[in-house]
Amino acid sequence: MAHLWDWLRLLDEWYPPSTAEEWDNTGLQVGARSWPADRALVALDPTVGVVGEAAEKGCGLLITHHPLLFRPMSRLDLEEPNGRAIAAAVSSRVGVVACHTNADVASPGVSDALAEALDLEVTGVLDQSASGSRAKLVTFVPSEATAKVLDAIAGAGGGVIGEYSHASFRVRGIGTFLPSENAQPVVGERGALNEVEEDRLEVVIPAERLQDAIEAMVDAHPYEEVAYDVYPLAGGEGLGLGRLASPREALTAAELADRCTERLGAPARLAGDGLHHVQNVALCGGSGASLIPVALRARADVYVTGDVKHHQALDGVAAGLTVIDAGHHATELPFVPHLADRLSAAGVGEVMVSELSTDPFAAR
C-alpha cells in the first residue's frame, strides 16, 4: 500500500521545494502524508470538478501544477470555489499536491515538456536561476578527519552528482602554520612553525546550499581556524525559467505558430515577421512575457509563451523579436502527461491523467 509520503518523497526529489519562488506555495496542499494513495491523478488545475474526478476514479492523490492554496486564506468559506475544492478533497480523502514554480525551473520541467510537444531540441536555459548555480568548496583537513568533514558537507547537500552522494576529490600535501601564544592549536606547538599532513578536499555544492555546507564543515573541522576557498562555477545544471531550443528542420515563425495551434490545442497569436526562418527559439510555459528582454539578450528569433500583453508584444517586435502567444493553459498542459509518464515509470502506484479541461478560454 502506497501513501502520500511515497509520492511526496519522489516529487520533492524531482522538484525540490527550495527551488520554488519565495511567493509560491508548493507541495502538500490538503491531506495527511499518512493517507493511503495507490492511485494518483495528474492535472493542471485543482478545480472542484477535478477533485471530484480524482475521487470518482479512486485516486488518493491529486497532483497539479497550479496550487490550490496560492494566496493566504483568512477564512474557509465552503461556498467559495477554493473552499468547495478543499471540502471535497477532505471528505473524499484525496490528498492535493502542487508542483508549481519548482517544476517551472526543474530539468526536465514545464518548458522541456513544451519543447518536446513542439518537436524542438532544447539547447539551454533561458533564465538560469540561482538554484542552477554551483560552487566548489575547498578546505584543508588533517588526513584522519577528512571522512568526518566530508560527511558533514554531504549532510548539508554538497557532493551530489546524479544518484551519487559524497562525491569529492582529495589530494594529500603538507600544510604549515605558526600559532601565536594566544592560539589553541589542535596539533602542533605555539610559537613554532608546524608542518602537518593534510588533505585538500574539494566538493561541488548547489549555490543555495553553500552557506549551510560551510557551517557544517566548520562545525566538523578539528582546527580552531578553518581555512577554505569558494570558487563559483560557470554554467549550471539546467535549472531556470524557460528554455532555448532549435528546430529540427527548416521552419518559419508562422509555421511554428501553426504548430503551436495544432499541437497545443489552442489558437496561437503571432506578432512580428511570420516569414522569418527560425534558428533560435526561446520558450517558457505559462505566463512568461516578462522574459521578453531575456529572450532578446539570448538572441532568440522567436519567443513562445503565454499571457503576452499588447505593449509587451509591441516592444518585443520593435526590438526584432517575433512573439508567439500560445496561451497560458496551452503552453503548460504538455507538462501533465510528461509528469504522469515519469510517475508511472517510478512505479509508486497507478497514474492517471485528468480528462477534464480547465482552460477558461476553451470553447464550451
Protein backbone atom coordinates (compact mmCIF):
# COMPACT_ATOMS: atom_id res chain seq x y z
CA MET A 1 0.00 0.00 0.00
CA ALA A 2 1.46 3.35 -1.08
CA HIS A 3 0.88 6.52 0.92
CA LEU A 4 1.08 10.22 0.19
CA TRP A 5 4.57 10.34 1.66
CA ASP A 6 5.81 7.88 -1.01
CA TRP A 7 4.67 10.20 -3.80
CA LEU A 8 5.88 13.33 -1.98
CA ARG A 9 9.34 11.88 -1.47
CA LEU A 10 9.64 11.37 -5.22
CA LEU A 11 8.19 14.77 -6.15
CA ASP A 12 10.47 16.58 -3.69
CA GLU A 13 13.44 14.86 -5.32
CA TRP A 14 12.43 15.93 -8.81
CA TYR A 15 11.10 19.36 -7.86
CA PRO A 16 12.83 20.43 -4.62
CA PRO A 17 10.72 22.90 -2.60
CA SER A 18 13.86 25.02 -2.13
CA THR A 19 13.85 25.87 -5.86
CA ALA A 20 10.35 27.40 -5.80
CA GLU A 21 9.90 31.16 -5.79
CA GLU A 22 9.53 32.72 -2.34
CA TRP A 23 5.99 33.89 -3.10
CA ASP A 24 4.89 30.44 -4.24
CA ASN A 25 3.13 27.67 -2.34
CA THR A 26 4.14 24.18 -3.40
CA GLY A 27 3.98 20.66 -2.00
CA LEU A 28 1.17 19.22 0.11
CA GLN A 29 -1.88 21.49 0.00
CA VAL A 30 -4.59 19.32 1.52
CA GLY A 31 -4.44 15.98 3.32
CA ALA A 32 -2.11 13.99 5.54
CA ARG A 33 1.13 12.33 4.48
CA SER A 34 -0.08 9.10 6.06
CA TRP A 35 -3.18 8.87 3.83
CA PRO A 36 -3.15 5.80 1.57
CA ALA A 37 -2.72 6.53 -2.14
CA ASP A 38 -2.23 3.64 -4.54
CA ARG A 39 -3.51 5.74 -7.45
CA ALA A 40 -2.78 9.35 -8.46
CA LEU A 41 -4.46 11.75 -10.87
CA VAL A 42 -2.35 14.42 -12.60
CA ALA A 43 -3.95 17.68 -13.76
CA LEU A 44 -3.11 21.31 -14.41
CA ASP A 45 -5.64 22.92 -12.05
CA PRO A 46 -7.21 21.70 -8.77
CA THR A 47 -10.78 22.77 -9.51
CA VAL A 48 -13.80 21.34 -7.72
CA GLY A 49 -14.52 19.26 -10.82
CA VAL A 50 -11.00 17.82 -10.97
CA VAL A 51 -11.07 16.94 -7.26
CA GLY A 52 -14.36 15.16 -7.91
CA GLU A 53 -12.83 13.35 -10.87
CA ALA A 54 -9.98 12.12 -8.66
CA ALA A 55 -12.46 10.81 -6.10
CA GLU A 56 -14.61 9.10 -8.75
CA LYS A 57 -11.54 7.34 -10.17
CA GLY A 58 -10.45 6.10 -6.77
CA CYS A 59 -7.35 8.28 -6.62
CA GLY A 60 -5.97 9.01 -3.18
CA LEU A 61 -3.81 11.79 -4.59
CA LEU A 62 -4.30 14.70 -6.99
CA ILE A 63 -1.07 16.25 -8.32
CA THR A 64 -1.47 19.60 -10.06
CA HIS A 65 0.79 22.28 -11.45
CA HIS A 66 -1.18 25.22 -10.09
CA PRO A 67 -1.58 25.33 -6.30
CA LEU A 68 -4.98 25.03 -4.66
CA LEU A 69 -3.79 27.25 -1.79
CA PHE A 70 -1.95 30.04 -3.56
CA ARG A 71 -2.91 33.20 -1.68
CA PRO A 72 -3.22 33.29 2.13
CA MET A 73 -6.75 32.47 3.27
CA SER A 74 -8.38 34.49 6.06
CA ARG A 75 -11.38 32.17 6.21
CA LEU A 76 -12.59 28.86 4.81
CA ASP A 77 -15.88 29.62 3.08
CA LEU A 78 -17.32 26.34 1.78
CA GLU A 79 -19.43 28.24 -0.77
CA GLU A 80 -16.36 29.72 -2.49
CA PRO A 81 -14.59 27.67 -5.22
CA ASN A 82 -11.43 27.03 -3.19
CA GLY A 83 -13.43 26.19 -0.10
CA ARG A 84 -15.58 23.73 -2.02
CA ALA A 85 -12.48 22.10 -3.55
CA ILE A 86 -10.84 21.75 -0.12
CA ALA A 87 -14.01 20.32 1.41
CA ALA A 88 -14.39 17.85 -1.46
CA ALA A 89 -10.76 16.73 -1.09
CA VAL A 90 -11.04 16.23 2.67
CA SER A 91 -14.39 14.45 2.55
CA SER A 92 -13.11 12.08 -0.16
CA ARG A 93 -9.66 11.73 1.45
CA VAL A 94 -7.95 12.92 -1.73
CA GLY A 95 -4.59 14.50 -0.98
CA VAL A 96 -3.75 17.53 -3.13
CA VAL A 97 -0.14 18.35 -4.03
CA ALA A 98 1.20 21.18 -6.22
CA CYS A 99 4.42 21.30 -8.27
CA HIS A 100 4.44 24.92 -9.44
CA THR A 101 7.49 27.18 -9.87
CA ASN A 102 9.73 24.37 -8.64
CA ALA A 103 8.53 22.45 -11.71
CA ASP A 104 8.99 25.54 -13.89
CA VAL A 105 12.72 25.70 -13.14
CA ALA A 106 13.32 21.93 -12.95
CA SER A 107 15.16 19.93 -15.56
CA PRO A 108 13.19 18.36 -17.08
CA GLY A 109 10.29 20.64 -16.27
CA VAL A 110 7.38 22.57 -17.73
CA SER A 111 9.28 24.23 -20.58
CA ASP A 112 11.06 21.00 -21.52
CA ALA A 113 7.67 19.35 -21.95
CA LEU A 114 6.57 22.30 -24.12
CA ALA A 115 9.67 21.97 -26.31
CA GLU A 116 9.04 18.25 -26.72
CA ALA A 117 5.43 18.86 -27.73
CA LEU A 118 6.61 21.32 -30.40
CA ASP A 119 9.40 18.97 -31.58
CA LEU A 120 12.13 21.45 -30.65
CA GLU A 121 15.56 20.41 -29.41
CA VAL A 122 16.47 22.07 -26.10
CA THR A 123 19.89 23.74 -26.20
CA GLY A 124 19.97 25.66 -22.92
CA VAL A 125 18.17 27.57 -20.17
CA LEU A 126 16.56 30.92 -20.96
CA ASP A 127 16.80 32.50 -17.49
CA GLN A 128 19.04 30.46 -15.22
CA SER A 129 18.01 30.55 -11.59
CA ALA A 130 20.27 30.75 -8.56
CA SER A 131 19.22 27.17 -7.96
CA GLY A 132 21.11 26.20 -11.08
CA SER A 133 24.34 27.82 -9.92
CA ARG A 134 27.04 25.80 -8.24
CA ALA A 135 30.21 26.47 -6.31
CA LYS A 136 33.26 24.43 -5.40
CA LEU A 137 34.11 24.39 -1.71
CA VAL A 138 37.75 23.62 -0.93
CA THR A 139 39.15 23.08 2.55
CA PHE A 140 42.30 21.64 4.11
CA VAL A 141 41.86 18.88 6.68
CA PRO A 142 44.17 16.66 8.73
CA SER A 143 44.00 13.30 6.97
CA GLU A 144 42.41 11.48 9.89
CA ALA A 145 39.50 13.98 9.97
CA THR A 146 38.73 14.08 6.22
CA ALA A 147 35.92 11.50 6.32
CA LYS A 148 34.13 13.32 9.15
CA VAL A 149 34.30 16.69 7.35
CA LEU A 150 33.10 15.15 4.08
CA ASP A 151 30.15 13.54 5.87
CA ALA A 152 29.18 16.92 7.32
CA ILE A 153 29.35 18.67 3.94
CA ALA A 154 27.36 15.88 2.27
CA GLY A 155 24.75 16.09 5.02
CA ALA A 156 24.27 19.77 4.13
CA GLY A 157 23.63 18.97 0.45
CA GLY A 158 27.13 19.02 -1.02
CA GLY A 159 28.80 16.43 -3.19
CA VAL A 160 25.69 15.17 -5.01
CA ILE A 161 26.11 14.16 -8.65
CA GLY A 162 23.01 12.46 -10.05
CA GLU A 163 22.37 9.35 -7.98
CA TYR A 164 25.71 9.62 -6.14
CA SER A 165 26.41 11.39 -2.85
CA HIS A 166 29.73 12.19 -1.09
CA ALA A 167 31.31 12.98 -4.48
CA SER A 168 34.63 14.71 -3.80
CA PHE A 169 38.27 14.96 -4.77
CA ARG A 170 41.21 14.98 -2.39
CA VAL A 171 44.96 15.26 -2.76
CA ARG A 172 47.46 14.95 0.09
CA GLY A 173 50.09 17.54 0.91
CA ILE A 174 51.80 19.43 3.71
CA GLY A 175 50.14 22.34 5.49
CA THR A 176 52.17 24.84 7.51
CA PHE A 177 51.19 27.22 10.30
CA LEU A 178 52.77 29.13 13.16
CA PRO A 179 50.37 29.53 16.12
CA SER A 180 50.62 32.66 18.27
CA GLU A 181 50.92 32.42 22.03
CA ASN A 182 47.14 33.03 22.30
CA ALA A 183 46.20 30.25 19.85
CA GLN A 184 44.80 26.89 20.91
CA PRO A 185 46.10 24.52 18.18
CA VAL A 186 44.67 21.01 17.98
CA VAL A 187 48.02 19.81 16.66
CA GLY A 188 51.47 21.42 16.72
CA GLU A 189 53.11 23.81 19.13
CA ARG A 190 52.63 27.52 19.80
CA GLY A 191 55.45 29.77 18.71
CA ALA A 192 56.90 27.24 16.27
CA LEU A 193 56.42 26.61 12.54
CA ASN A 194 54.48 23.36 12.26
CA GLU A 195 54.11 21.04 9.29
CA VAL A 196 51.05 18.75 9.17
CA GLU A 197 49.97 16.16 6.62
CA GLU A 198 46.63 17.42 5.26
CA ASP A 199 44.10 16.58 2.56
CA ARG A 200 42.92 19.24 0.14
CA LEU A 201 39.21 18.34 -0.03
CA GLU A 202 37.11 19.63 -2.96
CA VAL A 203 33.30 19.32 -3.10
CA VAL A 204 30.79 20.83 -5.58
CA ILE A 205 27.72 22.35 -3.91
CA PRO A 206 24.48 23.99 -5.16
CA ALA A 207 24.76 27.72 -4.53
CA GLU A 208 21.65 27.80 -2.34
CA ARG A 209 23.19 25.17 0.00
CA LEU A 210 26.64 26.74 0.19
CA GLN A 211 26.22 28.60 3.48
CA ASP A 212 24.76 25.54 5.20
CA ALA A 213 27.65 23.44 3.92
CA ILE A 214 30.24 25.94 5.16
CA GLU A 215 28.68 25.99 8.63
CA ALA A 216 28.55 22.18 8.75
CA MET A 217 32.18 21.98 7.59
CA VAL A 218 33.37 24.42 10.26
CA ASP A 219 31.47 22.55 12.98
CA ALA A 220 33.01 19.21 11.95
CA HIS A 221 36.53 20.52 11.31
CA PRO A 222 39.04 19.91 14.11
CA TYR A 223 41.00 23.13 13.60
CA GLU A 224 40.45 26.28 15.64
CA GLU A 225 40.68 28.38 12.46
CA VAL A 226 39.36 26.69 9.31
CA ALA A 227 40.94 27.65 6.01
CA TYR A 228 38.67 27.26 2.98
CA ASP A 229 38.09 28.66 -0.51
CA VAL A 230 34.88 29.05 -2.54
CA TYR A 231 35.01 29.04 -6.35
CA PRO A 232 31.85 29.96 -8.30
CA LEU A 233 31.40 27.57 -11.22
CA ALA A 234 30.30 28.57 -14.70
CA GLY A 235 27.15 27.02 -16.10
CA GLY A 236 24.65 25.09 -14.04
CA GLU A 237 22.51 22.01 -14.07
CA GLY A 238 19.82 23.19 -16.47
CA LEU A 239 17.71 24.86 -13.78
CA GLY A 240 15.85 28.06 -14.52
CA LEU A 241 12.80 29.56 -16.19
CA GLY A 242 12.23 28.84 -19.86
CA ARG A 243 14.37 27.07 -22.40
CA LEU A 244 16.37 27.86 -25.50
CA ALA A 245 15.79 25.48 -28.38
CA SER A 246 16.28 24.95 -32.08
CA PRO A 247 14.01 23.40 -34.73
CA ARG A 248 14.96 20.02 -36.14
CA GLU A 249 14.16 21.15 -39.67
CA ALA A 250 13.67 24.37 -41.65
CA LEU A 251 10.78 26.28 -40.11
CA THR A 252 9.30 29.76 -40.39
CA ALA A 253 7.83 31.63 -37.47
CA ALA A 254 4.35 31.35 -39.00
CA GLU A 255 4.78 27.59 -39.36
CA LEU A 256 5.85 27.40 -35.70
CA ALA A 257 2.74 29.36 -34.69
CA ASP A 258 0.59 26.93 -36.69
CA ARG A 259 2.35 24.04 -34.96
CA CYS A 260 1.51 25.60 -31.59
CA THR A 261 -2.16 25.83 -32.55
CA GLU A 262 -2.24 22.25 -33.84
CA ARG A 263 -0.31 20.52 -31.09
CA LEU A 264 -1.26 22.57 -28.04
CA GLY A 265 -4.95 22.72 -28.86
CA ALA A 266 -5.50 26.48 -28.65
CA PRO A 267 -5.18 29.28 -31.22
CA ALA A 268 -1.74 30.88 -31.14
CA ARG A 269 -1.25 34.59 -31.88
CA LEU A 270 1.83 35.74 -33.78
CA ALA A 271 3.36 39.21 -33.53
CA GLY A 272 6.22 40.04 -35.86
CA ASP A 273 7.70 38.57 -39.02
CA GLY A 274 5.98 35.28 -39.77
CA LEU A 275 8.17 34.59 -42.82
CA HIS A 276 11.38 34.74 -40.81
CA HIS A 277 13.21 31.39 -40.75
CA VAL A 278 13.64 30.28 -37.19
CA GLN A 279 17.05 29.30 -35.86
CA ASN A 280 16.94 30.10 -32.15
CA VAL A 281 13.71 29.69 -30.21
CA ALA A 282 13.07 30.86 -26.66
CA LEU A 283 10.08 29.36 -24.90
CA CYS A 284 8.51 29.49 -21.47
CA GLY A 285 5.40 27.61 -20.44
CA GLY A 286 2.73 29.70 -18.73
CA SER A 287 2.93 33.44 -18.16
CA GLY A 288 6.38 34.35 -19.46
CA ALA A 289 6.00 37.76 -21.11
CA SER A 290 8.31 39.33 -18.52
CA LEU A 291 11.17 37.30 -20.03
CA ILE A 292 10.93 39.01 -23.43
CA PRO A 293 14.06 41.13 -22.63
CA VAL A 294 15.86 37.93 -21.59
CA ALA A 295 14.90 36.28 -24.89
CA LEU A 296 16.30 39.28 -26.74
CA ARG A 297 19.59 39.08 -24.83
CA ALA A 298 19.74 35.38 -25.70
CA ARG A 299 19.49 36.37 -29.41
CA ALA A 300 16.32 34.35 -29.93
CA ASP A 301 14.47 34.76 -33.24
CA VAL A 302 11.11 33.72 -31.81
CA TYR A 303 9.70 33.59 -28.29
CA VAL A 304 6.83 31.19 -27.45
CA THR A 305 4.94 31.77 -24.20
CA GLY A 306 1.54 32.83 -22.86
CA ASP A 307 -0.24 35.85 -21.39
CA VAL A 308 1.54 38.43 -23.58
CA LYS A 309 0.04 41.90 -23.29
CA HIS A 310 -0.37 44.33 -26.19
CA HIS A 311 2.51 46.64 -25.31
CA GLN A 312 4.82 43.78 -24.39
CA ALA A 313 4.32 42.31 -27.86
CA LEU A 314 4.89 45.71 -29.47
CA ASP A 315 8.14 46.19 -27.54
CA GLY A 316 9.38 42.74 -28.49
CA VAL A 317 8.61 43.19 -32.18
CA ALA A 318 10.20 46.66 -32.21
CA ALA A 319 13.38 45.10 -30.85
CA GLY A 320 13.41 42.46 -33.59
CA LEU A 321 11.79 39.53 -31.77
CA THR A 322 8.87 37.57 -33.18
CA VAL A 323 6.47 36.72 -30.35
CA ILE A 324 4.03 33.80 -30.32
CA ASP A 325 1.39 33.89 -27.59
CA ALA A 326 0.18 30.30 -27.46
CA GLY A 327 -1.78 30.74 -24.22
CA HIS A 328 -1.04 30.19 -20.54
CA HIS A 329 -3.03 26.97 -20.24
CA ALA A 330 -1.92 25.51 -23.58
CA THR A 331 1.81 26.04 -23.01
CA GLU A 332 1.69 24.38 -19.58
CA LEU A 333 -0.63 21.50 -20.44
CA PRO A 334 2.12 19.27 -22.01
CA PHE A 335 3.64 19.05 -18.54
CA VAL A 336 0.67 17.00 -17.30
CA PRO A 337 1.24 13.84 -19.43
CA HIS A 338 5.00 14.38 -19.07
CA LEU A 339 4.73 14.20 -15.27
CA ALA A 340 2.30 11.29 -15.46
CA ASP A 341 4.78 9.31 -17.57
CA ARG A 342 7.61 9.98 -15.09
CA LEU A 343 5.45 8.92 -12.16
CA SER A 344 4.30 5.76 -13.95
CA ALA A 345 7.90 4.79 -14.67
CA ALA A 346 8.78 5.30 -10.99
CA GLY A 347 6.35 2.56 -10.03
CA VAL A 348 4.87 4.03 -6.84
CA GLY A 349 1.34 3.28 -7.99
CA GLU A 350 -1.14 3.69 -10.83
CA VAL A 351 -1.13 7.11 -12.52
CA MET A 352 -3.96 8.68 -14.49
CA VAL A 353 -4.29 11.93 -16.45
CA SER A 354 -7.29 14.19 -15.91
CA GLU A 355 -9.81 14.18 -18.72
CA LEU A 356 -11.39 17.50 -17.72
CA SER A 357 -10.43 20.75 -19.44
CA THR A 358 -9.74 23.61 -17.06
CA ASP A 359 -8.93 26.12 -19.81
CA PRO A 360 -11.19 29.10 -19.01
CA PHE A 361 -11.00 30.31 -22.62
CA ALA A 362 -11.78 26.99 -24.30
CA ALA A 363 -14.90 26.76 -26.45
CA ARG A 364 -17.79 25.33 -24.46
